[in-house]
Amino acid sequence: MRQPARTPDIPELRTFCVAAETGSLGRAAIRLHVSQPALSKRLASLERVAGTQLLARSSTGVTLTPAGRRLYEHARRLLEQADAIDMVLEGINRDAGPIRLAASHSAAEAFVAVALSEHVADAGPVVELLTANSHVVRLMVADGTADLGVAASRPGATPNPAVREVHLVDDEVVCAVPSAHPWSRLDRISLKEFLRTPMVMRDPQSNSRWTVESVLRKHGWEHADPLVQAATPVAALREALQRNAPVLLSRQVFPAGYFTPVTIERDLRFPRSFELVLPAVGEPSAGVSALADELRSAVADW
C-alpha cells in the first residue's frame, strides 16, 4: 500500500471541507478569507498527498468524488476536534493573564470603579480597566482587545454581530443643574425652555448624547446647540459647575449635593440601560463570569 508522503495539515483539510460544503471554490475562498489561487493551491497539495482527485471541478462548481466523500467524513470530525482544542487553548490563555474589562465613561464612574476596588480587596484576579465611549467598548470586545465590556444601550443603532449583550441595569439620562441655578427651585420647566436652552453635553459619539437626540427625533423636536461638549462625564460636570449651566448625563454620575435633577413638562424622559458585552461566539472564562457577577451585584440596589 502506498503511504502518503506527509500528513495533511489543518488548513488543507479545512479548505477541502469548506469547498465541498459551499460547492464553489470562489465562495470557499471568500469564507476562508484567502485568494482563490491560494485556495486552489491548497487543494492541489492535498490531492497530491491523497494521490487521487478529491473534488470534481465543473463550470457549475465542485462536487466530492467517491474518494473525496470518504475523506470528508473523517476530515470534518478532525476539524471539529481541532476547533474544540483551539477554544480550550484560548480559555487557558484568557485565564492565565489579566481580565481586560472595557467600560463606558459613565459606567466606569457610576459603578465599575467601585466594583473593581472591592474586587481588589477580595484578592480577585487582576483586572485591567479600559475606558471609552460605548460604541468603542463594543468594538474592543468584538476584536478581542477586551474580554468583557460594560456599555450603555444605543436605541435604534444597528447591532454589532460580533458581540452579544446581556441586560445589566436600567439607567436614564437626565437634565440637572447646579444648586445655584434658577431651575433648581422650580417644580418643572417647560418643554420650550428645555429645547431652546444651550446645555453642557457629551461629545456627539457618546451614548448619552445619542439617547437624548434619539428621543427628541421621535417627537420631531430639536435641541439648541450645546453650550459646550465634554469628552467625559467628569469634564461635563466640571463645565456645568463653572458655568452654572444645565447638563445632560446619566442619573448615576451626579455627585450628591451639587446638582438638582430637572423635571421637564410632558414627562419628557431619556431612558436607557447598561449592558454586559461579550463576544458573540464562545463562552466566557470562569474569571470573566465571576467578574460579570460582581458587576451585577454592584448595581443590584439601583
Protein backbone atom coordinates (compact mmCIF):
# COMPACT_ATOMS: atom_id res chain seq x y z
CA MET A 1 0.00 0.00 0.00
CA ARG A 2 1.30 3.43 -0.94
CA GLN A 3 1.92 5.60 2.13
CA PRO A 4 1.17 9.34 1.96
CA ALA A 5 4.32 11.44 1.54
CA ARG A 6 3.20 13.51 4.54
CA THR A 7 0.21 14.08 6.82
CA PRO A 8 -2.28 16.68 5.54
CA ASP A 9 -2.31 19.87 7.59
CA ILE A 10 -5.40 21.51 9.15
CA PRO A 11 -5.63 24.45 6.67
CA GLU A 12 -5.64 22.00 3.74
CA LEU A 13 -8.39 19.88 5.29
CA ARG A 14 -10.42 22.95 6.22
CA THR A 15 -10.12 24.30 2.69
CA PHE A 16 -11.25 20.95 1.28
CA CYS A 17 -14.28 20.72 3.61
CA VAL A 18 -15.40 24.31 3.03
CA ALA A 19 -15.10 23.88 -0.74
CA ALA A 20 -17.18 20.70 -0.54
CA GLU A 21 -19.81 22.41 1.67
CA THR A 22 -20.15 25.54 -0.45
CA GLY A 23 -19.87 23.76 -3.79
CA SER A 24 -17.76 26.61 -5.12
CA LEU A 25 -14.07 27.49 -4.96
CA GLY A 26 -14.96 31.19 -5.13
CA ARG A 27 -17.38 31.03 -2.19
CA ALA A 28 -14.93 28.90 -0.21
CA ALA A 29 -12.17 31.47 -0.78
CA ILE A 30 -14.45 34.26 0.48
CA ARG A 31 -15.43 32.30 3.59
CA LEU A 32 -11.81 31.47 4.40
CA HIS A 33 -10.55 35.00 3.61
CA VAL A 34 -7.96 33.78 1.10
CA SER A 35 -7.47 34.34 -2.61
CA GLN A 36 -8.87 31.75 -5.00
CA PRO A 37 -5.39 30.90 -6.38
CA ALA A 38 -4.15 30.25 -2.83
CA LEU A 39 -7.18 28.07 -2.14
CA SER A 40 -6.65 26.09 -5.36
CA LYS A 41 -3.01 25.58 -4.40
CA ARG A 42 -4.03 24.09 -1.04
CA LEU A 43 -6.48 21.72 -2.71
CA ALA A 44 -3.93 20.62 -5.27
CA SER A 45 -1.42 19.96 -2.49
CA LEU A 46 -3.97 17.84 -0.60
CA GLU A 47 -4.84 15.87 -3.72
CA ARG A 48 -1.14 15.14 -4.29
CA VAL A 49 -0.95 13.76 -0.76
CA ALA A 50 -4.09 11.67 -1.37
CA GLY A 51 -2.80 10.52 -4.74
CA THR A 52 -6.21 11.00 -6.32
CA GLN A 53 -8.79 13.63 -7.18
CA LEU A 54 -10.98 14.63 -4.24
CA LEU A 55 -13.17 17.28 -5.89
CA ALA A 56 -14.64 17.12 -9.36
CA ARG A 57 -14.49 20.58 -11.00
CA SER A 58 -17.07 21.81 -13.50
CA SER A 59 -18.45 25.08 -14.81
CA THR A 60 -21.15 24.98 -12.12
CA GLY A 61 -18.82 24.38 -9.18
CA VAL A 62 -17.22 21.45 -7.36
CA THR A 63 -18.55 18.14 -6.02
CA LEU A 64 -16.99 15.36 -3.98
CA THR A 65 -15.55 12.38 -5.79
CA PRO A 66 -16.02 8.93 -4.15
CA ALA A 67 -12.55 9.30 -2.60
CA GLY A 68 -13.46 12.83 -1.51
CA ARG A 69 -16.59 11.61 0.26
CA ARG A 70 -14.52 9.11 2.26
CA LEU A 71 -12.05 11.79 3.28
CA TYR A 72 -14.70 14.42 4.04
CA GLU A 73 -16.38 12.31 6.75
CA HIS A 74 -13.13 11.88 8.69
CA ALA A 75 -11.78 15.39 7.97
CA ARG A 76 -14.91 17.04 9.32
CA ARG A 77 -14.60 15.16 12.63
CA LEU A 78 -10.91 16.09 12.87
CA LEU A 79 -11.71 19.77 12.26
CA GLU A 80 -14.37 19.76 14.98
CA GLN A 81 -11.78 18.38 17.40
CA ALA A 82 -9.24 20.99 16.28
CA ASP A 83 -11.79 23.77 16.86
CA ALA A 84 -12.51 22.39 20.34
CA ILE A 85 -8.77 22.37 21.12
CA ASP A 86 -8.48 25.99 19.92
CA MET A 87 -11.29 27.01 22.28
CA VAL A 88 -9.60 25.24 25.20
CA LEU A 89 -6.29 26.93 24.44
CA GLU A 90 -8.00 30.30 24.12
CA GLY A 91 -9.61 29.79 27.50
CA ILE A 92 -6.27 28.82 29.04
CA ASN A 93 -4.67 31.96 27.62
CA ARG A 94 -7.50 34.13 28.94
CA ASP A 95 -7.29 32.58 32.41
CA ALA A 96 -3.50 32.92 32.51
CA GLY A 97 -3.47 36.68 32.00
CA PRO A 98 -5.35 39.65 33.48
CA ILE A 99 -9.02 40.10 32.62
CA ARG A 100 -9.43 43.05 30.27
CA LEU A 101 -12.60 44.98 31.12
CA ALA A 102 -13.77 47.78 28.83
CA ALA A 103 -16.33 50.17 30.30
CA SER A 104 -18.05 53.29 29.06
CA HIS A 105 -17.06 56.50 30.84
CA SER A 106 -20.43 56.75 32.60
CA ALA A 107 -20.40 53.11 33.69
CA ALA A 108 -16.85 53.42 34.99
CA GLU A 109 -17.72 56.47 37.08
CA ALA A 110 -21.13 55.22 38.23
CA PHE A 111 -20.25 51.72 39.47
CA VAL A 112 -17.44 49.88 37.68
CA ALA A 113 -14.59 51.62 39.54
CA VAL A 114 -16.25 50.90 42.90
CA ALA A 115 -16.85 47.27 41.94
CA LEU A 116 -13.20 46.87 40.97
CA SER A 117 -11.97 48.36 44.24
CA GLU A 118 -13.98 45.72 46.08
CA HIS A 119 -12.69 43.09 43.65
CA VAL A 120 -9.10 44.04 44.54
CA ALA A 121 -9.92 43.96 48.25
CA ASP A 122 -11.21 40.40 47.82
CA ALA A 123 -7.93 39.43 46.10
CA GLY A 124 -9.68 38.52 42.85
CA PRO A 125 -7.87 38.01 39.52
CA VAL A 126 -6.07 41.06 38.12
CA VAL A 127 -8.39 43.25 36.04
CA GLU A 128 -7.22 45.85 33.53
CA LEU A 129 -9.83 48.60 33.11
CA LEU A 130 -10.09 50.31 29.72
CA THR A 131 -12.48 53.26 29.37
CA ALA A 132 -14.02 54.54 26.15
CA ASN A 133 -17.42 55.51 24.79
CA SER A 134 -19.97 52.71 24.47
CA HIS A 135 -19.50 52.27 20.72
CA VAL A 136 -15.76 51.75 21.15
CA VAL A 137 -16.36 49.36 24.06
CA ARG A 138 -18.34 47.10 21.70
CA LEU A 139 -15.56 47.26 19.10
CA MET A 140 -12.95 46.34 21.72
CA VAL A 141 -14.90 43.23 22.74
CA ALA A 142 -15.54 42.36 19.10
CA ASP A 143 -11.86 42.43 18.12
CA GLY A 144 -10.61 40.72 21.29
CA THR A 145 -8.98 43.79 22.84
CA ALA A 146 -11.30 43.32 25.83
CA ASP A 147 -12.69 40.13 27.40
CA LEU A 148 -15.79 41.82 28.81
CA GLY A 149 -17.48 45.15 28.28
CA VAL A 150 -19.98 47.39 30.02
CA ALA A 151 -21.74 49.73 27.61
CA ALA A 152 -24.87 51.83 27.53
CA SER A 153 -27.67 50.69 25.24
CA ARG A 154 -27.97 52.53 21.94
CA PRO A 155 -31.63 52.76 20.86
CA GLY A 156 -32.12 52.42 17.12
CA ALA A 157 -28.48 51.60 16.36
CA THR A 158 -27.51 48.65 14.14
CA PRO A 159 -26.37 45.78 16.42
CA ASN A 160 -22.75 44.66 16.20
CA PRO A 161 -22.95 40.99 15.07
CA ALA A 162 -19.58 40.20 16.65
CA VAL A 163 -20.88 40.72 20.20
CA ARG A 164 -23.83 39.69 22.33
CA GLU A 165 -25.32 41.87 25.04
CA VAL A 166 -26.87 40.91 28.36
CA HIS A 167 -29.00 43.43 30.25
CA LEU A 168 -27.28 44.66 33.38
CA VAL A 169 -29.36 47.51 34.82
CA ASP A 170 -31.75 50.27 33.76
CA ASP A 171 -30.46 53.82 33.61
CA GLU A 172 -31.67 57.25 32.50
CA VAL A 173 -30.06 60.36 31.06
CA VAL A 174 -31.36 63.37 32.99
CA CYS A 175 -31.11 67.13 32.79
CA ALA A 176 -29.68 68.52 36.04
CA VAL A 177 -28.48 71.92 37.18
CA PRO A 178 -26.04 73.16 39.85
CA SER A 179 -27.74 74.06 43.11
CA ALA A 180 -27.28 77.80 42.39
CA HIS A 181 -29.12 77.64 39.07
CA PRO A 182 -32.66 79.17 38.96
CA TRP A 183 -34.14 75.91 37.64
CA SER A 184 -33.17 74.13 40.88
CA ARG A 185 -36.04 75.97 42.63
CA LEU A 186 -38.71 75.08 40.04
CA ASP A 187 -41.07 72.10 40.14
CA ARG A 188 -40.66 71.72 36.40
CA ILE A 189 -39.60 73.61 33.29
CA SER A 190 -41.48 73.95 30.02
CA LEU A 191 -40.58 71.82 27.02
CA LYS A 192 -39.99 75.01 25.04
CA GLU A 193 -37.49 76.30 27.58
CA PHE A 194 -35.70 72.96 27.70
CA LEU A 195 -35.35 72.79 23.91
CA ARG A 196 -34.14 76.37 23.46
CA THR A 197 -31.57 76.37 26.30
CA PRO A 198 -27.91 75.60 25.40
CA MET A 199 -26.55 73.00 27.81
CA VAL A 200 -23.38 71.15 28.63
CA MET A 201 -23.49 67.89 26.69
CA ARG A 202 -21.22 64.96 25.97
CA ASP A 203 -19.49 64.66 22.61
CA PRO A 204 -21.58 63.51 19.60
CA GLN A 205 -20.18 59.95 19.78
CA SER A 206 -21.28 59.42 23.38
CA ASN A 207 -24.27 57.29 24.25
CA SER A 208 -25.91 59.90 26.48
CA ARG A 209 -25.93 62.35 23.55
CA TRP A 210 -27.28 59.62 21.24
CA THR A 211 -30.05 58.74 23.71
CA VAL A 212 -31.25 62.33 24.09
CA GLU A 213 -31.21 63.05 20.36
CA SER A 214 -32.92 59.74 19.56
CA VAL A 215 -35.85 60.54 21.87
CA LEU A 216 -36.18 64.08 20.53
CA ARG A 217 -36.12 62.85 16.91
CA LYS A 218 -39.04 60.51 17.60
CA HIS A 219 -41.11 63.56 18.57
CA GLY A 220 -39.81 65.72 15.73
CA TRP A 221 -38.05 68.06 18.17
CA GLU A 222 -34.57 69.54 18.04
CA HIS A 223 -32.47 70.86 20.89
CA ALA A 224 -30.42 74.04 20.90
CA ASP A 225 -26.75 73.69 20.04
CA PRO A 226 -24.60 72.62 23.01
CA LEU A 227 -23.17 75.28 25.27
CA VAL A 228 -20.05 73.11 25.44
CA GLN A 229 -19.24 69.50 24.52
CA ALA A 230 -17.30 67.38 27.01
CA ALA A 231 -15.35 64.18 26.37
CA THR A 232 -16.19 62.55 29.73
CA PRO A 233 -18.86 62.88 32.43
CA VAL A 234 -16.31 64.35 34.87
CA ALA A 235 -15.41 67.05 32.35
CA ALA A 236 -19.12 67.74 31.71
CA LEU A 237 -19.83 68.13 35.44
CA ARG A 238 -16.87 70.49 35.85
CA GLU A 239 -18.05 72.65 32.94
CA ALA A 240 -21.61 72.75 34.29
CA LEU A 241 -20.42 73.89 37.73
CA GLN A 242 -18.07 76.51 36.34
CA ARG A 243 -20.73 77.92 34.01
CA ASN A 244 -23.69 77.34 36.37
CA ALA A 245 -25.40 75.65 33.42
CA PRO A 246 -27.72 72.67 32.80
CA VAL A 247 -26.06 69.38 31.87
CA LEU A 248 -27.35 66.12 30.35
CA LEU A 249 -25.78 62.98 31.85
CA SER A 250 -26.56 59.59 33.37
CA ARG A 251 -28.52 59.95 36.61
CA GLN A 252 -25.88 57.82 38.34
CA VAL A 253 -22.86 60.12 37.82
CA PHE A 254 -24.06 63.27 39.63
CA PRO A 255 -22.27 63.91 42.96
CA ALA A 256 -24.68 64.18 45.87
CA GLY A 257 -25.49 67.73 46.99
CA TYR A 258 -24.12 69.56 43.95
CA PHE A 259 -26.79 69.07 41.29
CA THR A 260 -30.60 69.03 41.17
CA PRO A 261 -32.45 66.92 38.55
CA VAL A 262 -34.91 68.93 36.47
CA THR A 263 -38.42 67.73 35.59
CA ILE A 264 -39.49 68.61 32.05
CA GLU A 265 -43.16 69.07 31.18
CA ARG A 266 -44.92 66.25 29.30
CA ASP A 267 -42.82 63.98 31.48
CA LEU A 268 -40.07 64.02 28.86
CA ARG A 269 -37.56 61.30 29.78
CA PHE A 270 -34.46 59.73 28.23
CA PRO A 271 -34.35 56.08 29.38
CA ARG A 272 -31.55 53.68 28.52
CA SER A 273 -29.73 50.78 30.17
CA PHE A 274 -26.26 49.43 30.81
CA GLU A 275 -25.40 46.13 29.12
CA LEU A 276 -22.73 43.49 29.65
CA VAL A 277 -20.96 42.99 26.31
CA LEU A 278 -19.46 39.58 25.44
CA PRO A 279 -18.04 38.02 22.27
CA ALA A 280 -20.79 36.57 20.09
CA VAL A 281 -19.07 33.18 19.92
CA GLY A 282 -17.77 31.05 22.77
CA GLU A 283 -18.33 31.00 26.49
CA PRO A 284 -16.62 33.38 28.95
CA SER A 285 -13.88 32.05 31.19
CA ALA A 286 -14.58 31.40 34.86
CA GLY A 287 -12.83 34.65 35.76
CA VAL A 288 -14.87 36.70 33.31
CA SER A 289 -18.11 35.09 34.53
CA ALA A 290 -17.19 35.85 38.15
CA LEU A 291 -16.40 39.48 37.26
CA ALA A 292 -19.75 39.80 35.47
CA ASP A 293 -21.47 38.56 38.64
CA GLU A 294 -19.59 41.16 40.70
CA LEU A 295 -20.80 43.90 38.36
CA ARG A 296 -24.38 42.65 38.71
CA SER A 297 -24.03 42.80 42.49
CA ALA A 298 -22.68 46.36 42.25
CA VAL A 299 -25.93 47.60 40.64
CA ALA A 300 -28.37 45.31 42.45
CA ASP A 301 -29.77 48.14 44.60
CA TRP A 302 -30.27 50.71 41.82
